[in-house]
């Protein structure tokens, strides 16, 4: 290839890039009012989420690389490199918390993620609008209850002298301590069922929003073609909400190591700690309860965040390779 040909090709590539840049600026100008609506959210995340990460006065993630001290300001803490990461990897209880977190997250992914989808499909099939509103209100109401209140209700129901054990004793059975045992099945079932009670109805809202965007004429055409209700769900409703489900699944994969801190913090105790204590509760224990070592907690949190981000990228790439809707 001659120098003139190379020069011509480079010029054409530069022209294409300038054209693409101009097109991007035109789109930004066209949607400038929508972008202004996003501005407060952007400022919020910038000021309260990203700026503290690298704040040299208070620490942020820099805390994970400095020697923790309760008597000195952060600026005087000495640098220790990867000391706390090495300490974290040598601690058996860290790997127990990691195992519990991954196990609980995959159980949630298998048993909890599909439930809001099925719930949205069922609600969409309710033809009476008044009944549909009642069902939606009843199902979404638990989301507005705090985990402190829900765990309090669970204790009234599930403790040794609770309501359920009262029925078991009345039937001649032996009471079972649902809240303080080391059985993985019992504890995981309790976590899944209580989380579904609280969040399944709320999670179905976004799928109902996706369903509402489906063209009604598609249902009419399917009915004319002789499709029954199940076939209309499978061939019209599900394809219309599938991209939303894939995006939420990608986000869920990016939260594998985030496993409902509020719920588990209120349910964990000395008996079931080895089964349900997750990374978040483990970090809280080391930061504020056990040894008050915030540098160690920061190192554990940073490790968790990096793994979550890597899993998000992998899930997004897999979705893209499979031809599904990707996050970015």
Protein backbone atom coordinates (compact mmCIF):
# COMPACT_ATOMS: atom_id res chain seq x y z
CA UNK A 1 0.00 0.00 0.00
CA UNK A 2 1.42 3.35 -1.01
CA UNK A 3 1.86 6.33 1.30
CA UNK A 4 -0.87 8.21 -0.58
CA UNK A 5 -3.32 5.34 -0.05
CA UNK A 6 -2.50 5.16 3.67
CA UNK A 7 -2.93 8.93 3.99
CA UNK A 8 -6.25 8.79 2.17
CA UNK A 9 -7.48 5.98 4.40
CA UNK A 10 -6.47 7.82 7.57
CA UNK A 11 -8.28 10.92 6.36
CA UNK A 12 -11.44 8.94 5.63
CA UNK A 13 -11.30 7.33 9.09
CA UNK A 14 -10.84 10.75 10.68
CA UNK A 15 -13.80 12.07 8.71
CA UNK A 16 -15.95 9.16 9.88
CA UNK A 17 -14.98 9.80 13.49
CA UNK A 18 -15.76 13.50 13.15
CA UNK A 19 -19.13 12.60 11.67
CA UNK A 20 -19.89 10.20 14.52
CA UNK A 21 -18.83 12.81 17.08
CA UNK A 22 -21.03 15.42 15.45
CA UNK A 23 -23.95 12.97 15.45
CA UNK A 24 -23.40 12.28 19.15
CA UNK A 25 -23.39 15.98 19.96
CA UNK A 26 -26.60 16.45 17.97
CA UNK A 27 -28.26 13.67 19.98
CA UNK A 28 -27.10 15.27 23.23
CA UNK A 29 -28.48 18.61 22.10
CA UNK A 30 -31.74 16.99 21.06
CA UNK A 31 -32.22 15.32 24.44
CA UNK A 32 -30.73 18.13 26.55
CA UNK A 33 -33.85 18.50 28.70
CA UNK A 34 -33.88 14.81 29.58
CA UNK A 35 -30.20 15.08 30.48
CA UNK A 36 -31.00 18.03 32.74
CA UNK A 37 -33.46 15.78 34.59
CA UNK A 38 -30.59 13.34 35.18
CA UNK A 39 -28.27 16.07 36.42
CA UNK A 40 -29.35 15.96 40.12
CA UNK A 41 -28.85 12.19 40.20
CA UNK A 42 -25.45 12.53 38.54
CA UNK A 43 -24.39 15.20 41.06
CA UNK A 44 -25.65 13.04 43.94
CA UNK A 45 -23.58 10.04 42.88
CA UNK A 46 -20.55 12.21 42.14
CA UNK A 47 -20.60 13.99 45.51
CA UNK A 48 -21.81 11.26 47.86
CA UNK A 49 -20.63 8.06 46.16
CA UNK A 50 -17.52 8.70 44.06
CA UNK A 51 -15.84 11.67 45.77
CA UNK A 52 -15.56 9.92 49.18
CA UNK A 53 -13.82 6.95 47.55
CA UNK A 54 -10.61 8.89 46.98
CA UNK A 55 -10.93 11.50 49.74
CA UNK A 56 -7.38 11.89 51.19
CA UNK A 57 -8.77 13.41 54.40
CA UNK A 58 -11.22 10.68 55.42
CA UNK A 59 -9.72 7.67 53.68
CA UNK A 60 -12.18 6.01 51.37
CA UNK A 61 -10.59 3.01 49.69
CA UNK A 62 -7.16 4.37 50.65
CA UNK A 63 -7.95 3.17 54.16
CA UNK A 64 -7.42 -0.42 52.97
CA UNK A 65 -3.74 0.33 52.34
CA UNK A 66 -2.93 2.12 55.62
CA UNK A 67 -2.34 0.96 59.19
CA UNK A 68 -5.50 1.59 61.19
CA UNK A 69 -5.21 3.75 64.30
CA UNK A 70 -7.83 5.00 66.74
CA UNK A 71 -5.59 7.75 68.13
CA UNK A 72 -4.24 9.41 64.96
CA UNK A 73 -5.93 11.28 62.09
CA UNK A 74 -6.06 9.43 58.78
CA UNK A 75 -3.33 11.59 57.22
CA UNK A 76 -0.85 10.23 59.79
CA UNK A 77 -1.65 6.56 59.27
CA UNK A 78 1.41 4.76 57.80
CA UNK A 79 1.14 2.98 54.45
CA UNK A 80 1.17 -0.83 54.77
CA UNK A 81 0.47 -1.90 51.17
CA UNK A 82 -1.44 -5.19 50.87
CA UNK A 83 -1.07 -6.16 54.53
CA UNK A 84 -4.82 -6.27 55.23
CA UNK A 85 -5.59 -8.15 52.02
CA UNK A 86 -3.07 -10.83 53.03
CA UNK A 87 -4.57 -10.90 56.52
CA UNK A 88 -8.04 -11.27 55.03
CA UNK A 89 -7.03 -14.21 52.82
CA UNK A 90 -5.43 -15.98 55.79
CA UNK A 91 -8.53 -15.75 57.97
CA UNK A 92 -10.70 -18.91 57.90
CA UNK A 93 -13.83 -16.98 58.93
CA UNK A 94 -13.46 -14.74 55.87
CA UNK A 95 -13.69 -17.72 53.54
CA UNK A 96 -16.64 -19.06 55.54
CA UNK A 97 -18.40 -15.72 55.02
CA UNK A 98 -17.43 -15.79 51.33
CA UNK A 99 -18.82 -19.31 50.95
CA UNK A 100 -22.06 -18.32 52.68
CA UNK A 101 -22.42 -15.19 50.54
CA UNK A 102 -21.93 -17.04 47.24
CA UNK A 103 -24.24 -19.88 48.32
CA UNK A 104 -27.02 -17.57 49.48
CA UNK A 105 -26.71 -15.39 46.36
CA UNK A 106 -26.98 -18.36 44.00
CA UNK A 107 -29.96 -19.71 45.94
CA UNK A 108 -31.59 -16.28 45.64
CA UNK A 109 -30.79 -16.23 41.93
CA UNK A 110 -32.43 -19.62 41.38
CA UNK A 111 -35.46 -19.35 43.65
CA UNK A 112 -36.11 -15.62 44.04
CA UNK A 113 -35.27 -14.06 40.67
CA UNK A 114 -38.03 -15.86 38.66
CA UNK A 115 -40.80 -15.18 41.20
CA UNK A 116 -41.41 -11.47 40.33
CA UNK A 117 -41.56 -12.49 36.65
CA UNK A 118 -44.25 -15.11 37.31
CA UNK A 119 -46.05 -12.70 39.62
CA UNK A 120 -46.10 -10.00 36.93
CA UNK A 121 -47.44 -12.51 34.38
CA UNK A 122 -50.20 -13.57 36.78
CA UNK A 123 -51.16 -9.97 37.62
CA UNK A 124 -51.22 -9.10 33.93
CA UNK A 125 -53.82 -11.81 33.37
CA UNK A 126 -56.23 -10.30 35.93
CA UNK A 127 -58.85 -8.58 33.79
CA UNK A 128 -60.77 -6.78 36.54
CA UNK A 129 -58.81 -3.54 37.12
CA UNK A 130 -60.14 -3.10 40.67
CA UNK A 131 -59.07 -6.58 41.72
CA UNK A 132 -55.70 -6.06 40.03
CA UNK A 133 -55.08 -2.87 42.06
CA UNK A 134 -56.00 -4.66 45.27
CA UNK A 135 -53.61 -7.53 44.52
CA UNK A 136 -50.81 -5.11 43.65
CA UNK A 137 -51.36 -3.12 46.85
CA UNK A 138 -51.35 -6.22 49.04
CA UNK A 139 -48.25 -7.68 47.35
CA UNK A 140 -46.18 -4.48 47.37
CA UNK A 141 -47.06 -3.33 50.89
CA UNK A 142 -44.46 -5.56 52.68
CA UNK A 143 -41.68 -3.76 50.80
CA UNK A 144 -42.35 -0.68 52.94
CA UNK A 145 -41.87 -2.60 56.19
CA UNK A 146 -38.40 -2.50 57.73
CA UNK A 147 -36.47 -5.71 58.30
CA UNK A 148 -36.53 -4.96 62.03
CA UNK A 149 -40.32 -5.19 61.99
CA UNK A 150 -40.40 -8.25 59.72
CA UNK A 151 -37.84 -10.12 61.84
CA UNK A 152 -39.86 -9.20 64.92
CA UNK A 153 -42.93 -10.80 63.31
CA UNK A 154 -40.83 -13.83 62.37
CA UNK A 155 -39.71 -14.22 65.98
CA UNK A 156 -43.31 -14.16 67.18
CA UNK A 157 -44.13 -16.88 64.65
CA UNK A 158 -41.01 -19.04 64.64
CA UNK A 159 -39.42 -18.95 68.09
CA UNK A 160 -39.70 -21.96 70.40
CA UNK A 161 -42.74 -20.50 72.16
CA UNK A 162 -44.10 -18.94 68.98
CA UNK A 163 -47.31 -19.49 67.07
CA UNK A 164 -46.06 -22.17 64.68
CA UNK A 165 -44.42 -24.22 67.43
CA UNK A 166 -47.66 -23.88 69.37
CA UNK A 167 -49.45 -25.69 66.52
CA UNK A 168 -46.67 -28.29 66.37
CA UNK A 169 -46.96 -28.99 70.10
CA UNK A 170 -50.74 -29.12 69.86
CA UNK A 171 -50.38 -31.77 67.14
CA UNK A 172 -48.10 -33.81 69.40
CA UNK A 173 -44.84 -32.84 67.73
CA UNK A 174 -41.58 -31.56 69.16
CA UNK A 175 -40.91 -27.81 68.98
CA UNK A 176 -38.17 -26.70 66.57
CA UNK A 177 -36.07 -23.59 66.98
CA UNK A 178 -36.33 -22.12 63.47
CA UNK A 179 -34.35 -18.99 64.30
CA UNK A 180 -31.38 -20.53 66.14
CA UNK A 181 -30.16 -23.69 64.43
CA UNK A 182 -27.23 -24.66 62.22
CA UNK A 183 -29.23 -26.43 59.51
CA UNK A 184 -28.41 -24.94 56.08
CA UNK A 185 -31.79 -25.97 54.63
CA UNK A 186 -33.79 -24.39 57.45
CA UNK A 187 -31.80 -21.14 57.41
CA UNK A 188 -31.73 -20.76 53.62
CA UNK A 189 -35.46 -21.50 53.39
CA UNK A 190 -36.11 -18.85 56.05
CA UNK A 191 -34.01 -16.29 54.15
CA UNK A 192 -35.63 -17.01 50.79
CA UNK A 193 -39.23 -17.06 52.02
CA UNK A 194 -38.88 -13.91 54.11
CA UNK A 195 -37.18 -12.05 51.25
CA UNK A 196 -39.89 -13.15 48.81
CA UNK A 197 -42.55 -11.97 51.24
CA UNK A 198 -40.92 -8.55 51.43
CA UNK A 199 -39.71 -7.94 47.89
CA UNK A 200 -41.44 -10.15 45.32
CA UNK A 201 -44.41 -7.84 44.84
CA UNK A 202 -42.21 -4.77 44.56
CA UNK A 203 -39.90 -6.54 42.11
CA UNK A 204 -42.83 -7.36 39.84
CA UNK A 205 -43.55 -3.66 39.21
CA UNK A 206 -40.76 -3.19 36.69
CA UNK A 207 -41.90 -6.26 34.76
CA UNK A 208 -45.47 -4.96 34.74
CA UNK A 209 -44.11 -1.70 33.34
CA UNK A 210 -42.36 -3.66 30.58
CA UNK A 211 -45.56 -5.56 29.83
CA UNK A 212 -47.56 -2.33 29.61
CA UNK A 213 -45.29 -1.25 26.75
CA UNK A 214 -46.28 -4.21 24.56
CA UNK A 215 -48.46 -3.31 21.58
CA UNK A 216 -52.04 -4.55 22.34
CA UNK A 217 -52.57 -5.36 18.66
CA UNK A 218 -50.09 -8.22 19.04
CA UNK A 219 -52.47 -9.91 21.47
CA UNK A 220 -55.38 -9.30 19.12
CA UNK A 221 -53.46 -10.79 16.19
CA UNK A 222 -52.47 -13.81 18.30
CA UNK A 223 -56.11 -14.33 19.36
CA UNK A 224 -57.24 -14.13 15.72
CA UNK A 225 -54.64 -16.78 14.86
CA UNK A 226 -56.20 -19.07 17.48
CA UNK A 227 -53.59 -18.71 20.25
CA UNK A 228 -54.87 -19.55 23.71
CA UNK A 229 -53.96 -17.59 26.84
CA UNK A 230 -50.81 -19.61 27.58
CA UNK A 231 -49.61 -19.27 23.98
CA UNK A 232 -50.17 -15.50 24.08
CA UNK A 233 -48.09 -15.31 27.28
CA UNK A 234 -45.28 -17.38 25.78
CA UNK A 235 -45.18 -15.80 22.29
CA UNK A 236 -46.20 -12.20 23.03
CA UNK A 237 -45.83 -11.26 26.71
CA UNK A 238 -42.57 -13.04 27.46
CA UNK A 239 -40.68 -11.73 24.37
CA UNK A 240 -41.87 -8.23 25.28
CA UNK A 241 -40.42 -8.41 28.81
CA UNK A 242 -37.43 -10.66 28.09
CA UNK A 243 -34.94 -7.82 27.55
CA UNK A 244 -35.92 -6.30 30.91
CA UNK A 245 -35.42 -9.65 32.62
CA UNK A 246 -31.97 -10.05 31.04
CA UNK A 247 -30.84 -6.58 32.17
CA UNK A 248 -32.04 -7.25 35.72
CA UNK A 249 -30.33 -10.64 35.65
CA UNK A 250 -27.05 -8.95 34.67
CA UNK A 251 -27.45 -6.50 37.55
CA UNK A 252 -28.23 -9.39 39.89
CA UNK A 253 -25.02 -11.14 38.82
CA UNK A 254 -23.16 -7.94 39.63
CA UNK A 255 -24.59 -8.14 43.16
CA UNK A 256 -23.58 -11.73 43.89
CA UNK A 257 -21.56 -10.66 46.93
CA UNK A 258 -24.26 -8.25 48.15
CA UNK A 259 -26.75 -10.37 50.04
CA UNK A 260 -29.34 -8.29 51.92
CA UNK A 261 -27.34 -6.91 54.85
CA UNK A 262 -30.40 -5.68 56.79
CA UNK A 263 -32.13 -9.05 56.66
CA UNK A 264 -29.15 -11.19 57.65
CA UNK A 265 -27.85 -8.72 60.26
CA UNK A 266 -31.17 -9.01 62.09
CA UNK A 267 -31.30 -12.81 61.79
CA UNK A 268 -27.70 -13.84 62.45
CA UNK A 269 -26.78 -15.18 65.89
CA UNK A 270 -24.12 -17.33 67.51
CA UNK A 271 -25.80 -20.56 66.41
CA UNK A 272 -26.40 -19.87 62.71
CA UNK A 273 -23.42 -17.52 62.12
CA UNK A 274 -21.41 -20.23 60.36
CA UNK A 275 -24.27 -20.78 57.91
CA UNK A 276 -25.72 -17.35 57.05
CA UNK A 277 -23.11 -14.73 57.94
CA UNK A 278 -22.24 -12.96 54.69
CA UNK A 279 -19.39 -10.66 53.66
CA UNK A 280 -21.34 -7.49 54.52
CA UNK A 281 -22.12 -8.68 58.06
CA UNK A 282 -18.54 -9.93 58.42
CA UNK A 283 -17.18 -6.51 57.42
CA UNK A 284 -19.52 -4.76 59.86
CA UNK A 285 -18.42 -7.10 62.67
CA UNK A 286 -14.73 -6.33 62.14
CA UNK A 287 -15.30 -2.61 61.61
CA UNK A 288 -17.53 -1.87 64.60
CA UNK A 289 -17.95 -4.86 66.90
CA UNK A 290 -15.09 -7.33 67.18
CA UNK A 291 -11.67 -5.73 66.67
CA UNK A 292 -12.70 -2.27 65.41
CA UNK A 293 -10.26 -2.46 62.51
CA UNK A 294 -11.63 -0.21 59.81
CA UNK A 295 -8.66 -0.77 57.50
CA UNK A 296 -9.31 -4.51 57.48
CA UNK A 297 -13.01 -3.87 56.85
CA UNK A 298 -12.15 -1.47 54.01
CA UNK A 299 -9.86 -4.08 52.42
CA UNK A 300 -12.64 -6.70 52.62
CA UNK A 301 -15.18 -4.29 51.15
CA UNK A 302 -12.84 -3.30 48.32
CA UNK A 303 -12.21 -6.94 47.48
CA UNK A 304 -15.95 -7.59 47.42
CA UNK A 305 -16.62 -4.60 45.17
CA UNK A 306 -13.92 -5.58 42.67
CA UNK A 307 -15.29 -9.13 42.44
CA UNK A 308 -18.84 -7.81 41.96
CA UNK A 309 -17.69 -5.49 39.17
CA UNK A 310 -15.83 -8.33 37.45
CA UNK A 311 -18.92 -10.55 37.63
CA UNK A 312 -21.02 -7.71 36.18
CA UNK A 313 -18.67 -7.39 33.21
CA UNK A 314 -18.67 -11.17 32.63
CA UNK A 315 -22.48 -11.39 32.80
CA UNK A 316 -22.84 -8.42 30.44
CA UNK A 317 -20.39 -9.99 27.97
CA UNK A 318 -22.17 -13.35 28.07
CA UNK A 319 -25.52 -11.66 27.41
CA UNK A 320 -24.00 -9.79 24.47
CA UNK A 321 -22.48 -12.98 23.02
CA UNK A 322 -25.85 -14.75 23.30
CA UNK A 323 -27.54 -11.94 21.36
CA UNK A 324 -29.54 -10.68 24.35
CA UNK A 325 -30.03 -7.14 25.63
CA UNK A 326 -26.85 -6.00 27.36
CA UNK A 327 -26.41 -3.38 30.05
CA UNK A 328 -23.71 -1.34 28.29
